[in-house]
């Protein structure tokens, strides 16, 4: 019994068998070293999962309770969790400064475009 050949899904657009757009560097004929956005996203997910795993190990290995004081409030929590909160606060502070700088540079680019230089 013969199998019917399926049409190549990458080469047809779905409109009456017309050829669809071709994507360079995608498919079985793509060069081995070609990088794609999906590949980069997958790498980012794997790295993020590894970092989260290390973070979990850090939190689990530092269960000692510490007293944390901030202005007029105080509370007790695990040392690992307290350090995680401190790292998150530092990252948010850096993101705030970086956002301000990006907005400043965008404004400079707009003003340069308006001058025609």
PDB file of N, CA and C in Angstrom:
ATOM      1  N   UNK A   1       0.838  -1.168   0.000  1.00  0.00           N
ATOM      2  CA  UNK A   1       0.000   0.000   0.000  1.00  0.00           C
ATOM      3  C   UNK A   1       0.889   1.240   0.000  1.00  0.00           C
ATOM      4  N   UNK A   2       0.611   2.182  -0.893  1.00  0.00           N
ATOM      5  CA  UNK A   2       1.414   3.396  -1.005  1.00  0.00           C
ATOM      6  C   UNK A   2       0.836   4.488  -0.118  1.00  0.00           C
ATOM      7  N   UNK A   3       1.746   5.245   0.500  1.00  0.00           N
ATOM      8  CA  UNK A   3       1.314   6.411   1.264  1.00  0.00           C
ATOM      9  C   UNK A   3       1.206   7.600   0.337  1.00  0.00           C
ATOM     10  N   UNK A   4       0.149   8.364   0.539  1.00  0.00           N
ATOM     11  CA  UNK A   4       0.028   9.580  -0.254  1.00  0.00           C
ATOM     12  C   UNK A   4       0.969  10.619   0.326  1.00  0.00           C
ATOM     13  N   UNK A   5       1.645  11.344  -0.564  1.00  0.00           N
ATOM     14  CA  UNK A   5       2.563  12.370  -0.101  1.00  0.00           C
ATOM     15  C   UNK A   5       1.775  13.583   0.356  1.00  0.00           C
ATOM     16  N   UNK A   6       2.150  14.071   1.520  1.00  0.00           N
ATOM     17  CA  UNK A   6       1.522  15.277   2.058  1.00  0.00           C
ATOM     18  C   UNK A   6       2.194  16.492   1.435  1.00  0.00           C
ATOM     19  N   UNK A   7       1.431  17.525   1.149  1.00  0.00           N
ATOM     20  CA  UNK A   7       2.070  18.732   0.617  1.00  0.00           C
ATOM     21  C   UNK A   7       2.979  19.347   1.677  1.00  0.00           C
ATOM     22  N   UNK A   8       4.064  19.946   1.206  1.00  0.00           N
ATOM     23  CA  UNK A   8       5.005  20.597   2.118  1.00  0.00           C
ATOM     24  C   UNK A   8       4.340  21.832   2.706  1.00  0.00           C
ATOM     25  N   UNK A   9       4.151  21.832   4.027  1.00  0.00           N
ATOM     26  CA  UNK A   9       3.415  22.915   4.676  1.00  0.00           C
ATOM     27  C   UNK A   9       4.170  24.230   4.656  1.00  0.00           C
ATOM     28  N   UNK A  10       5.493  24.194   4.578  1.00  0.00           N
ATOM     29  CA  UNK A  10       6.261  25.426   4.568  1.00  0.00           C
ATOM     30  C   UNK A  10       6.169  26.122   3.207  1.00  0.00           C
ATOM     31  N   UNK A  11       5.930  25.373   2.166  1.00  0.00           N
ATOM     32  CA  UNK A  11       5.963  25.956   0.830  1.00  0.00           C
ATOM     33  C   UNK A  11       4.605  26.404   0.327  1.00  0.00           C
ATOM     34  N   UNK A  12       3.538  26.066   1.022  1.00  0.00           N
ATOM     35  CA  UNK A  12       2.215  26.490   0.578  1.00  0.00           C
ATOM     36  C   UNK A  12       1.627  27.460   1.567  1.00  0.00           C
ATOM     37  N   UNK A  13       0.874  28.404   1.069  1.00  0.00           N
ATOM     38  CA  UNK A  13       0.281  29.408   1.939  1.00  0.00           C
ATOM     39  C   UNK A  13      -1.089  28.989   2.430  1.00  0.00           C
ATOM     40  N   UNK A  14      -1.653  27.919   1.897  1.00  0.00           N
ATOM     41  CA  UNK A  14      -2.975  27.488   2.300  1.00  0.00           C
ATOM     42  C   UNK A  14      -4.056  28.050   1.394  1.00  0.00           C
ATOM     43  N   UNK A  15      -3.704  28.902   0.465  1.00  0.00           N
ATOM     44  CA  UNK A  15      -4.669  29.474  -0.466  1.00  0.00           C
ATOM     45  C   UNK A  15      -4.553  28.760  -1.805  1.00  0.00           C
ATOM     46  N   UNK A  16      -5.338  27.737  -1.959  1.00  0.00           N
ATOM     47  CA  UNK A  16      -5.418  26.998  -3.219  1.00  0.00           C
ATOM     48  C   UNK A  16      -4.053  26.493  -3.693  1.00  0.00           C
ATOM     49  N   UNK A  17      -3.155  26.171  -2.779  1.00  0.00           N
ATOM     50  CA  UNK A  17      -1.871  25.587  -3.134  1.00  0.00           C
ATOM     51  C   UNK A  17      -0.869  26.567  -3.704  1.00  0.00           C
ATOM     52  N   UNK A  18      -1.120  27.863  -3.578  1.00  0.00           N
ATOM     53  CA  UNK A  18      -0.167  28.844  -4.083  1.00  0.00           C
ATOM     54  C   UNK A  18       1.079  28.832  -3.220  1.00  0.00           C
ATOM     55  N   UNK A  19       2.226  29.106  -3.811  1.00  0.00           N
ATOM     56  CA  UNK A  19       3.438  29.154  -3.001  1.00  0.00           C
ATOM     57  C   UNK A  19       3.367  30.288  -1.983  1.00  0.00           C
ATOM     58  N   UNK A  20       3.811  30.004  -0.771  1.00  0.00           N
ATOM     59  CA  UNK A  20       3.806  31.002   0.286  1.00  0.00           C
ATOM     60  C   UNK A  20       5.163  31.657   0.407  1.00  0.00           C
ATOM     61  N   UNK A  21       5.294  32.523   1.366  1.00  0.00           N
ATOM     62  CA  UNK A  21       6.579  33.188   1.561  1.00  0.00           C
ATOM     63  C   UNK A  21       7.631  32.196   2.029  1.00  0.00           C
ATOM     64  N   UNK A  22       8.837  32.377   1.573  1.00  0.00           N
ATOM     65  CA  UNK A  22       9.922  31.515   2.012  1.00  0.00           C
ATOM     66  C   UNK A  22      10.699  32.239   3.093  1.00  0.00           C
ATOM     67  N   UNK A  23      11.211  31.473   4.025  1.00  0.00           N
ATOM     68  CA  UNK A  23      11.982  32.028   5.122  1.00  0.00           C
ATOM     69  C   UNK A  23      13.391  31.483   4.995  1.00  0.00           C
ATOM     70  N   UNK A  24      14.332  32.387   4.823  1.00  0.00           N
ATOM     71  CA  UNK A  24      15.715  31.987   4.643  1.00  0.00           C
ATOM     72  C   UNK A  24      16.299  31.480   5.955  1.00  0.00           C
ATOM     73  N   UNK A  25      17.037  30.391   5.912  1.00  0.00           N
ATOM     74  CA  UNK A  25      17.676  29.861   7.101  1.00  0.00           C
ATOM     75  C   UNK A  25      16.783  29.003   7.964  1.00  0.00           C
ATOM     76  N   UNK A  26      15.599  28.603   7.455  1.00  0.00           N
ATOM     77  CA  UNK A  26      14.672  27.785   8.221  1.00  0.00           C
ATOM     78  C   UNK A  26      14.408  26.512   7.441  1.00  0.00           C
ATOM     79  N   UNK A  27      14.306  25.412   8.143  1.00  0.00           N
ATOM     80  CA  UNK A  27      13.987  24.152   7.498  1.00  0.00           C
ATOM     81  C   UNK A  27      15.160  23.200   7.492  1.00  0.00           C
ATOM     82  N   UNK A  28      14.954  22.040   6.868  1.00  0.00           N
ATOM     83  CA  UNK A  28      15.999  21.019   6.887  1.00  0.00           C
ATOM     84  C   UNK A  28      17.236  21.398   6.087  1.00  0.00           C
ATOM     85  N   UNK A  29      17.109  22.334   5.138  1.00  0.00           N
ATOM     86  CA  UNK A  29      18.247  22.723   4.317  1.00  0.00           C
ATOM     87  C   UNK A  29      19.026  23.894   4.914  1.00  0.00           C
ATOM     88  N   UNK A  30      18.641  24.359   6.100  1.00  0.00           N
ATOM     89  CA  UNK A  30      19.293  25.511   6.722  1.00  0.00           C
ATOM     90  C   UNK A  30      20.700  25.142   7.168  1.00  0.00           C
ATOM     91  N   UNK A  31      21.614  26.091   7.111  1.00  0.00           N
ATOM     92  CA  UNK A  31      22.964  25.821   7.596  1.00  0.00           C
ATOM     93  C   UNK A  31      22.953  25.463   9.080  1.00  0.00           C
ATOM     94  N   UNK A  32      23.924  24.676   9.510  1.00  0.00           N
ATOM     95  CA  UNK A  32      23.930  24.164  10.880  1.00  0.00           C
ATOM     96  C   UNK A  32      24.077  25.255  11.932  1.00  0.00           C
ATOM     97  N   UNK A  33      24.779  26.342  11.637  1.00  0.00           N
ATOM     98  CA  UNK A  33      25.035  27.376  12.628  1.00  0.00           C
ATOM     99  C   UNK A  33      24.020  28.504  12.628  1.00  0.00           C
ATOM    100  N   UNK A  34      22.900  28.364  11.926  1.00  0.00           N
ATOM    101  CA  UNK A  34      21.917  29.433  11.828  1.00  0.00           C
ATOM    102  C   UNK A  34      21.204  29.611  13.159  1.00  0.00           C
ATOM    103  N   UNK A  35      21.114  30.867  13.623  1.00  0.00           N
ATOM    104  CA  UNK A  35      20.422  31.166  14.874  1.00  0.00           C
ATOM    105  C   UNK A  35      19.079  31.802  14.566  1.00  0.00           C
ATOM    106  N   UNK A  36      18.080  31.425  15.347  1.00  0.00           N
ATOM    107  CA  UNK A  36      16.745  31.969  15.161  1.00  0.00           C
ATOM    108  C   UNK A  36      16.277  32.594  16.465  1.00  0.00           C
ATOM    109  N   UNK A  37      15.202  33.367  16.381  1.00  0.00           N
ATOM    110  CA  UNK A  37      14.648  33.976  17.581  1.00  0.00           C
ATOM    111  C   UNK A  37      14.091  32.915  18.525  1.00  0.00           C
ATOM    112  N   UNK A  38      13.506  31.884  17.962  1.00  0.00           N
ATOM    113  CA  UNK A  38      12.966  30.809  18.798  1.00  0.00           C
ATOM    114  C   UNK A  38      14.108  30.094  19.515  1.00  0.00           C
ATOM    115  N   UNK A  39      15.215  29.877  18.826  1.00  0.00           N
ATOM    116  CA  UNK A  39      16.370  29.251  19.450  1.00  0.00           C
ATOM    117  C   UNK A  39      16.933  30.104  20.580  1.00  0.00           C
ATOM    118  N   UNK A  40      16.990  31.411  20.356  1.00  0.00           N
ATOM    119  CA  UNK A  40      17.475  32.322  21.392  1.00  0.00           C
ATOM    120  C   UNK A  40      16.521  32.338  22.582  1.00  0.00           C
ATOM    121  N   UNK A  41      15.219  32.311  22.306  1.00  0.00           N
ATOM    122  CA  UNK A  41      14.232  32.274  23.378  1.00  0.00           C
ATOM    123  C   UNK A  41      14.368  30.991  24.185  1.00  0.00           C
ATOM    124  N   UNK A  42      14.561  29.879  23.504  1.00  0.00           N
ATOM    125  CA  UNK A  42      14.725  28.596  24.186  1.00  0.00           C
ATOM    126  C   UNK A  42      15.968  28.625  25.072  1.00  0.00           C
ATOM    127  N   UNK A  43      17.054  29.184  24.587  1.00  0.00           N
ATOM    128  CA  UNK A  43      18.268  29.296  25.390  1.00  0.00           C
ATOM    129  C   UNK A  43      18.022  30.171  26.616  1.00  0.00           C
ATOM    130  N   UNK A  44      17.297  31.267  26.446  1.00  0.00           N
ATOM    131  CA  UNK A  44      16.986  32.150  27.574  1.00  0.00           C
ATOM    132  C   UNK A  44      16.136  31.428  28.611  1.00  0.00           C
ATOM    133  N   UNK A  45      15.189  30.619  28.171  1.00  0.00           N
ATOM    134  CA  UNK A  45      14.342  29.867  29.102  1.00  0.00           C
ATOM    135  C   UNK A  45      15.179  28.850  29.874  1.00  0.00           C
ATOM    136  N   UNK A  46      16.080  28.169  29.204  1.00  0.00           N
ATOM    137  CA  UNK A  46      16.926  27.172  29.873  1.00  0.00           C
ATOM    138  C   UNK A  46      17.844  27.846  30.891  1.00  0.00           C
ATOM    139  N   UNK A  47      18.446  28.974  30.519  1.00  0.00           N
ATOM    140  CA  UNK A  47      19.323  29.689  31.448  1.00  0.00           C
ATOM    141  C   UNK A  47      18.522  30.195  32.642  1.00  0.00           C
ATOM    142  N   UNK A  48      17.329  30.754  32.394  1.00  0.00           N
ATOM    143  CA  UNK A  48      16.480  31.246  33.484  1.00  0.00           C
ATOM    144  C   UNK A  48      16.085  30.111  34.425  1.00  0.00           C
ATOM    145  N   UNK A  49      15.775  28.941  33.886  1.00  0.00           N
ATOM    146  CA  UNK A  49      15.432  27.795  34.722  1.00  0.00           C
ATOM    147  C   UNK A  49      16.620  27.372  35.576  1.00  0.00           C
ATOM    148  N   UNK A  50      17.809  27.413  35.011  1.00  0.00           N
ATOM    149  CA  UNK A  50      19.011  27.090  35.784  1.00  0.00           C
ATOM    150  C   UNK A  50      19.258  28.079  36.909  1.00  0.00           C
ATOM    151  N   UNK A  51      19.085  29.368  36.619  1.00  0.00           N
ATOM    152  CA  UNK A  51      19.264  30.398  37.650  1.00  0.00           C
ATOM    153  C   UNK A  51      18.222  30.230  38.748  1.00  0.00           C
ATOM    154  N   UNK A  52      16.976  29.939  38.377  1.00  0.00           N
ATOM    155  CA  UNK A  52      15.941  29.726  39.382  1.00  0.00           C
ATOM    156  C   UNK A  52      16.233  28.494  40.236  1.00  0.00           C
ATOM    157  N   UNK A  53      16.782  27.470  39.626  1.00  0.00           N
ATOM    158  CA  UNK A  53      17.169  26.288  40.389  1.00  0.00           C
ATOM    159  C   UNK A  53      18.255  26.606  41.406  1.00  0.00           C
ATOM    160  N   UNK A  54      19.264  27.368  40.990  1.00  0.00           N
ATOM    161  CA  UNK A  54      20.317  27.772  41.923  1.00  0.00           C
ATOM    162  C   UNK A  54      19.767  28.663  43.029  1.00  0.00           C
ATOM    163  N   UNK A  55      18.835  29.529  42.682  1.00  0.00           N
ATOM    164  CA  UNK A  55      18.204  30.403  43.667  1.00  0.00           C
ATOM    165  C   UNK A  55      17.412  29.588  44.686  1.00  0.00           C
ATOM    166  N   UNK A  56      16.715  28.579  44.218  1.00  0.00           N
ATOM    167  CA  UNK A  56      15.965  27.705  45.122  1.00  0.00           C
ATOM    168  C   UNK A  56      16.906  26.990  46.084  1.00  0.00           C
ATOM    169  N   UNK A  57      18.036  26.495  45.589  1.00  0.00           N
ATOM    170  CA  UNK A  57      19.020  25.836  46.447  1.00  0.00           C
ATOM    171  C   UNK A  57      19.534  26.818  47.493  1.00  0.00           C
ATOM    172  N   UNK A  58      19.809  28.070  47.077  1.00  0.00           N
ATOM    173  CA  UNK A  58      20.291  29.085  48.015  1.00  0.00           C
ATOM    174  C   UNK A  58      19.277  29.340  49.122  1.00  0.00           C
ATOM    175  N   UNK A  59      18.018  29.487  48.761  1.00  0.00           N
ATOM    176  CA  UNK A  59      16.977  29.755  49.753  1.00  0.00           C
ATOM    177  C   UNK A  59      16.818  28.572  50.704  1.00  0.00           C
ATOM    178  N   UNK A  60      16.851  27.367  50.171  1.00  0.00           N
ATOM    179  CA  UNK A  60      16.681  26.185  51.017  1.00  0.00           C
ATOM    180  C   UNK A  60      17.868  25.960  51.942  1.00  0.00           C
ATOM    181  N   UNK A  61      19.066  26.400  51.545  1.00  0.00           N
ATOM    182  CA  UNK A  61      20.243  26.208  52.383  1.00  0.00           C
ATOM    183  C   UNK A  61      20.414  27.324  53.417  1.00  0.00           C
ATOM    184  N   UNK A  62      19.584  28.369  53.358  1.00  0.00           N
ATOM    185  CA  UNK A  62      19.664  29.471  54.315  1.00  0.00           C
ATOM    186  C   UNK A  62      18.323  29.670  55.008  1.00  0.00           C
ATOM    187  N   UNK A  63      17.899  28.666  55.801  1.00  0.00           N
ATOM    188  CA  UNK A  63      16.581  28.773  56.435  1.00  0.00           C
ATOM    189  C   UNK A  63      16.586  29.526  57.766  1.00  0.00           C
ATOM    190  N   UNK A  64      17.753  29.969  58.234  1.00  0.00           N
ATOM    191  CA  UNK A  64      17.824  30.645  59.539  1.00  0.00           C
ATOM    192  C   UNK A  64      16.928  31.883  59.532  1.00  0.00           C
ATOM    193  N   UNK A  65      16.185  32.070  60.604  1.00  0.00           N
ATOM    194  CA  UNK A  65      15.281  33.209  60.715  1.00  0.00           C
ATOM    195  C   UNK A  65      16.054  34.441  61.157  1.00  0.00           C
ATOM    196  N   UNK A  66      15.824  35.539  60.474  1.00  0.00           N
ATOM    197  CA  UNK A  66      16.456  36.812  60.828  1.00  0.00           C
ATOM    198  C   UNK A  66      15.371  37.862  61.012  1.00  0.00           C
ATOM    199  N   UNK A  67      15.679  38.876  61.808  1.00  0.00           N
ATOM    200  CA  UNK A  67      14.758  39.995  61.986  1.00  0.00           C
ATOM    201  C   UNK A  67      15.158  41.092  61.007  1.00  0.00           C
ATOM    202  N   UNK A  68      14.225  41.527  60.206  1.00  0.00           N
ATOM    203  CA  UNK A  68      14.476  42.560  59.216  1.00  0.00           C
ATOM    204  C   UNK A  68      13.749  43.824  59.658  1.00  0.00           C
ATOM    205  N   UNK A  69      14.491  44.934  59.716  1.00  0.00           N
ATOM    206  CA  UNK A  69      13.902  46.215  60.106  1.00  0.00           C
ATOM    207  C   UNK A  69      14.013  47.182  58.943  1.00  0.00           C
ATOM    208  N   UNK A  70      12.920  47.913  58.671  1.00  0.00           N
ATOM    209  CA  UNK A  70      12.927  48.949  57.639  1.00  0.00           C
ATOM    210  C   UNK A  70      12.064  50.100  58.132  1.00  0.00           C
ATOM    211  N   UNK A  71      12.708  51.237  58.313  1.00  0.00           N
ATOM    212  CA  UNK A  71      12.062  52.428  58.861  1.00  0.00           C
ATOM    213  C   UNK A  71      11.370  52.081  60.179  1.00  0.00           C
ATOM    214  N   UNK A  72      10.058  52.094  60.216  1.00  0.00           N
ATOM    215  CA  UNK A  72       9.367  51.821  61.478  1.00  0.00           C
ATOM    216  C   UNK A  72       8.794  50.412  61.555  1.00  0.00           C
ATOM    217  N   UNK A  73       9.007  49.604  60.530  1.00  0.00           N
ATOM    218  CA  UNK A  73       8.450  48.252  60.527  1.00  0.00           C
ATOM    219  C   UNK A  73       9.556  47.230  60.773  1.00  0.00           C
ATOM    220  N   UNK A  74       9.155  46.094  61.272  1.00  0.00           N
ATOM    221  CA  UNK A  74      10.098  45.000  61.434  1.00  0.00           C
ATOM    222  C   UNK A  74       9.350  43.686  61.306  1.00  0.00           C
ATOM    223  N   UNK A  75      10.070  42.664  60.881  1.00  0.00           N
ATOM    224  CA  UNK A  75       9.472  41.352  60.727  1.00  0.00           C
ATOM    225  C   UNK A  75      10.545  40.290  60.704  1.00  0.00           C
ATOM    226  N   UNK A  76      10.142  39.053  60.803  1.00  0.00           N
ATOM    227  CA  UNK A  76      11.067  37.922  60.757  1.00  0.00           C
ATOM    228  C   UNK A  76      10.809  37.113  59.493  1.00  0.00           C
ATOM    229  N   UNK A  77      11.887  36.673  58.891  1.00  0.00           N
ATOM    230  CA  UNK A  77      11.786  35.810  57.704  1.00  0.00           C
ATOM    231  C   UNK A  77      13.079  35.043  57.535  1.00  0.00           C
ATOM    232  N   UNK A  78      13.058  34.076  56.646  1.00  0.00           N
ATOM    233  CA  UNK A  78      14.255  33.280  56.383  1.00  0.00           C
ATOM    234  C   UNK A  78      15.321  34.160  55.728  1.00  0.00           C
ATOM    235  N   UNK A  79      16.573  33.886  56.053  1.00  0.00           N
ATOM    236  CA  UNK A  79      17.682  34.668  55.530  1.00  0.00           C
ATOM    237  C   UNK A  79      17.714  34.643  53.997  1.00  0.00           C
ATOM    238  N   UNK A  80      17.515  33.475  53.416  1.00  0.00           N
ATOM    239  CA  UNK A  80      17.531  33.365  51.951  1.00  0.00           C
ATOM    240  C   UNK A  80      16.449  34.208  51.300  1.00  0.00           C
ATOM    241  N   UNK A  81      15.271  34.220  51.895  1.00  0.00           N
ATOM    242  CA  UNK A  81      14.159  35.009  51.357  1.00  0.00           C
ATOM    243  C   UNK A  81      14.457  36.497  51.510  1.00  0.00           C
ATOM    244  N   UNK A  82      15.028  36.898  52.648  1.00  0.00           N
ATOM    245  CA  UNK A  82      15.381  38.305  52.852  1.00  0.00           C
ATOM    246  C   UNK A  82      16.403  38.768  51.822  1.00  0.00           C
ATOM    247  N   UNK A  83      17.392  37.938  51.553  1.00  0.00           N
ATOM    248  CA  UNK A  83      18.404  38.303  50.560  1.00  0.00           C
ATOM    249  C   UNK A  83      17.807  38.329  49.155  1.00  0.00           C
ATOM    250  N   UNK A  84      16.855  37.442  48.889  1.00  0.00           N
ATOM    251  CA  UNK A  84      16.165  37.458  47.592  1.00  0.00           C
ATOM    252  C   UNK A  84      15.410  38.768  47.413  1.00  0.00           C
ATOM    253  N   UNK A  85      14.696  39.218  48.445  1.00  0.00           N
ATOM    254  CA  UNK A  85      13.979  40.488  48.371  1.00  0.00           C
ATOM    255  C   UNK A  85      14.945  41.652  48.147  1.00  0.00           C
ATOM    256  N   UNK A  86      16.105  41.610  48.799  1.00  0.00           N
ATOM    257  CA  UNK A  86      17.098  42.668  48.615  1.00  0.00           C
ATOM    258  C   UNK A  86      17.621  42.681  47.175  1.00  0.00           C
ATOM    259  N   UNK A  87      17.851  41.499  46.606  1.00  0.00           N
ATOM    260  CA  UNK A  87      18.327  41.417  45.221  1.00  0.00           C
ATOM    261  C   UNK A  87      17.270  41.933  44.250  1.00  0.00           C
ATOM    262  N   UNK A  88      16.005  41.602  44.497  1.00  0.00           N
ATOM    263  CA  UNK A  88      14.921  42.079  43.636  1.00  0.00           C
ATOM    264  C   UNK A  88      14.811  43.599  43.717  1.00  0.00           C
ATOM    265  N   UNK A  89      14.928  44.148  44.927  1.00  0.00           N
ATOM    266  CA  UNK A  89      14.873  45.606  45.082  1.00  0.00           C
ATOM    267  C   UNK A  89      16.030  46.273  44.342  1.00  0.00           C
ATOM    268  N   UNK A  90      17.207  45.690  44.405  1.00  0.00           N
ATOM    269  CA  UNK A  90      18.356  46.236  43.668  1.00  0.00           C
ATOM    270  C   UNK A  90      18.150  46.175  42.162  1.00  0.00           C
ATOM    271  N   UNK A  91      17.594  45.067  41.677  1.00  0.00           N
ATOM    272  CA  UNK A  91      17.336  44.934  40.238  1.00  0.00           C
ATOM    273  C   UNK A  91      16.303  45.953  39.773  1.00  0.00           C
ATOM    274  N   UNK A  92      15.274  46.185  40.582  1.00  0.00           N
ATOM    275  CA  UNK A  92      14.264  47.188  40.216  1.00  0.00           C
ATOM    276  C   UNK A  92      14.852  48.593  40.207  1.00  0.00           C
ATOM    277  N   UNK A  93      15.748  48.883  41.130  1.00  0.00           N
ATOM    278  CA  UNK A  93      16.403  50.185  41.151  1.00  0.00           C
ATOM    279  C   UNK A  93      17.254  50.386  39.904  1.00  0.00           C
ATOM    280  N   UNK A  94      18.004  49.371  39.520  1.00  0.00           N
ATOM    281  CA  UNK A  94      18.816  49.445  38.300  1.00  0.00           C
ATOM    282  C   UNK A  94      17.925  49.606  37.072  1.00  0.00           C
ATOM    283  N   UNK A  95      16.807  48.885  37.026  1.00  0.00           N
ATOM    284  CA  UNK A  95      15.882  49.000  35.894  1.00  0.00           C
ATOM    285  C   UNK A  95      15.304  50.408  35.806  1.00  0.00           C
ATOM    286  N   UNK A  96      15.016  51.018  36.939  1.00  0.00           N
ATOM    287  CA  UNK A  96      14.493  52.386  36.951  1.00  0.00           C
ATOM    288  C   UNK A  96      15.516  53.368  36.386  1.00  0.00           C
ATOM    289  N   UNK A  97      16.769  53.245  36.814  1.00  0.00           N
ATOM    290  CA  UNK A  97      17.827  54.120  36.313  1.00  0.00           C
ATOM    291  C   UNK A  97      18.050  53.888  34.818  1.00  0.00           C
ATOM    292  N   UNK A  98      18.052  52.634  34.395  1.00  0.00           N
ATOM    293  CA  UNK A  98      18.258  52.325  32.979  1.00  0.00           C
ATOM    294  C   UNK A  98      17.112  52.863  32.127  1.00  0.00           C
ATOM    295  N   UNK A  99      15.881  52.781  32.626  1.00  0.00           N
ATOM    296  CA  UNK A  99      14.731  53.314  31.887  1.00  0.00           C
ATOM    297  C   UNK A  99      14.856  54.821  31.721  1.00  0.00           C
ATOM    298  N   UNK A 100      15.279  55.505  32.763  1.00  0.00           N
ATOM    299  CA  UNK A 100      15.461  56.954  32.666  1.00  0.00           C
ATOM    300  C   UNK A 100      16.523  57.295  31.621  1.00  0.00           C
ATOM    301  N   UNK A 101      17.602  56.541  31.588  1.00  0.00           N
ATOM    302  CA  UNK A 101      18.672  56.794  30.607  1.00  0.00           C
ATOM    303  C   UNK A 101      18.191  56.504  29.184  1.00  0.00           C
ATOM    304  N   UNK A 102      17.447  55.447  28.990  1.00  0.00           N
ATOM    305  CA  UNK A 102      16.926  55.118  27.660  1.00  0.00           C
ATOM    306  C   UNK A 102      16.003  56.224  27.178  1.00  0.00           C
ATOM    307  N   UNK A 103      15.127  56.702  28.054  1.00  0.00           N
ATOM    308  CA  UNK A 103      14.228  57.794  27.665  1.00  0.00           C
ATOM    309  C   UNK A 103      15.014  59.059  27.326  1.00  0.00           C
ATOM    310  N   UNK A 104      16.082  59.313  28.067  1.00  0.00           N
ATOM    311  CA  UNK A 104      16.923  60.469  27.791  1.00  0.00           C
ATOM    312  C   UNK A 104      17.580  60.346  26.417  1.00  0.00           C
ATOM    313  N   UNK A 105      18.087  59.167  26.091  1.00  0.00           N
ATOM    314  CA  UNK A 105      18.718  58.959  24.784  1.00  0.00           C
ATOM    315  C   UNK A 105      17.709  59.042  23.646  1.00  0.00           C
ATOM    316  N   UNK A 106      16.505  58.526  23.856  1.00  0.00           N
ATOM    317  CA  UNK A 106      15.467  58.628  22.827  1.00  0.00           C
ATOM    318  C   UNK A 106      15.119  60.077  22.545  1.00  0.00           C
ATOM    319  N   UNK A 107      15.028  60.877  23.598  1.00  0.00           N
ATOM    320  CA  UNK A 107      14.769  62.307  23.421  1.00  0.00           C
ATOM    321  C   UNK A 107      15.869  62.983  22.637  1.00  0.00           C
ATOM    322  N   UNK A 108      17.125  62.627  22.905  1.00  0.00           N
ATOM    323  CA  UNK A 108      18.248  63.205  22.165  1.00  0.00           C
ATOM    324  C   UNK A 108      18.202  62.812  20.698  1.00  0.00           C
ATOM    325  N   UNK A 109      17.825  61.565  20.410  1.00  0.00           N
ATOM    326  CA  UNK A 109      17.725  61.124  19.008  1.00  0.00           C
ATOM    327  C   UNK A 109      16.608  61.876  18.294  1.00  0.00           C
ATOM    328  N   UNK A 110      15.473  62.050  18.959  1.00  0.00           N
ATOM    329  CA  UNK A 110      14.355  62.792  18.340  1.00  0.00           C
ATOM    330  C   UNK A 110      14.744  64.223  18.042  1.00  0.00           C
ATOM    331  N   UNK A 111      15.441  64.863  18.978  1.00  0.00           N
ATOM    332  CA  UNK A 111      15.819  66.259  18.744  1.00  0.00           C
ATOM    333  C   UNK A 111      16.852  66.366  17.618  1.00  0.00           C
ATOM    334  N   UNK A 112      17.743  65.377  17.497  1.00  0.00           N
ATOM    335  CA  UNK A 112      18.708  65.382  16.392  1.00  0.00           C
ATOM    336  C   UNK A 112      18.032  65.153  15.056  1.00  0.00           C
ATOM    337  N   UNK A 113      17.015  64.317  15.024  1.00  0.00           N
ATOM    338  CA  UNK A 113      16.275  64.083  13.774  1.00  0.00           C
ATOM    339  C   UNK A 113      15.515  65.335  13.356  1.00  0.00           C
ATOM    340  N   UNK A 114      14.983  66.055  14.334  1.00  0.00           N
ATOM    341  CA  UNK A 114      14.243  67.280  14.054  1.00  0.00           C
ATOM    342  C   UNK A 114      15.126  68.377  13.495  1.00  0.00           C
ATOM    343  N   UNK A 115      16.426  68.366  13.828  1.00  0.00           N
ATOM    344  CA  UNK A 115      17.364  69.374  13.329  1.00  0.00           C
ATOM    345  C   UNK A 115      17.881  69.024  11.948  1.00  0.00           C
ATOM    346  N   UNK A 116      17.672  67.781  11.526  1.00  0.00           N
ATOM    347  CA  UNK A 116      18.108  67.367  10.196  1.00  0.00           C
ATOM    348  C   UNK A 116      19.582  67.048  10.115  1.00  0.00           C
ATOM    349  N   UNK A 117      20.205  66.754  11.228  1.00  0.00           N
ATOM    350  CA  UNK A 117      21.633  66.407  11.190  1.00  0.00           C
ATOM    351  C   UNK A 117      21.845  64.944  11.350  1.00  0.00           C
TER     352      UNK A 117
END
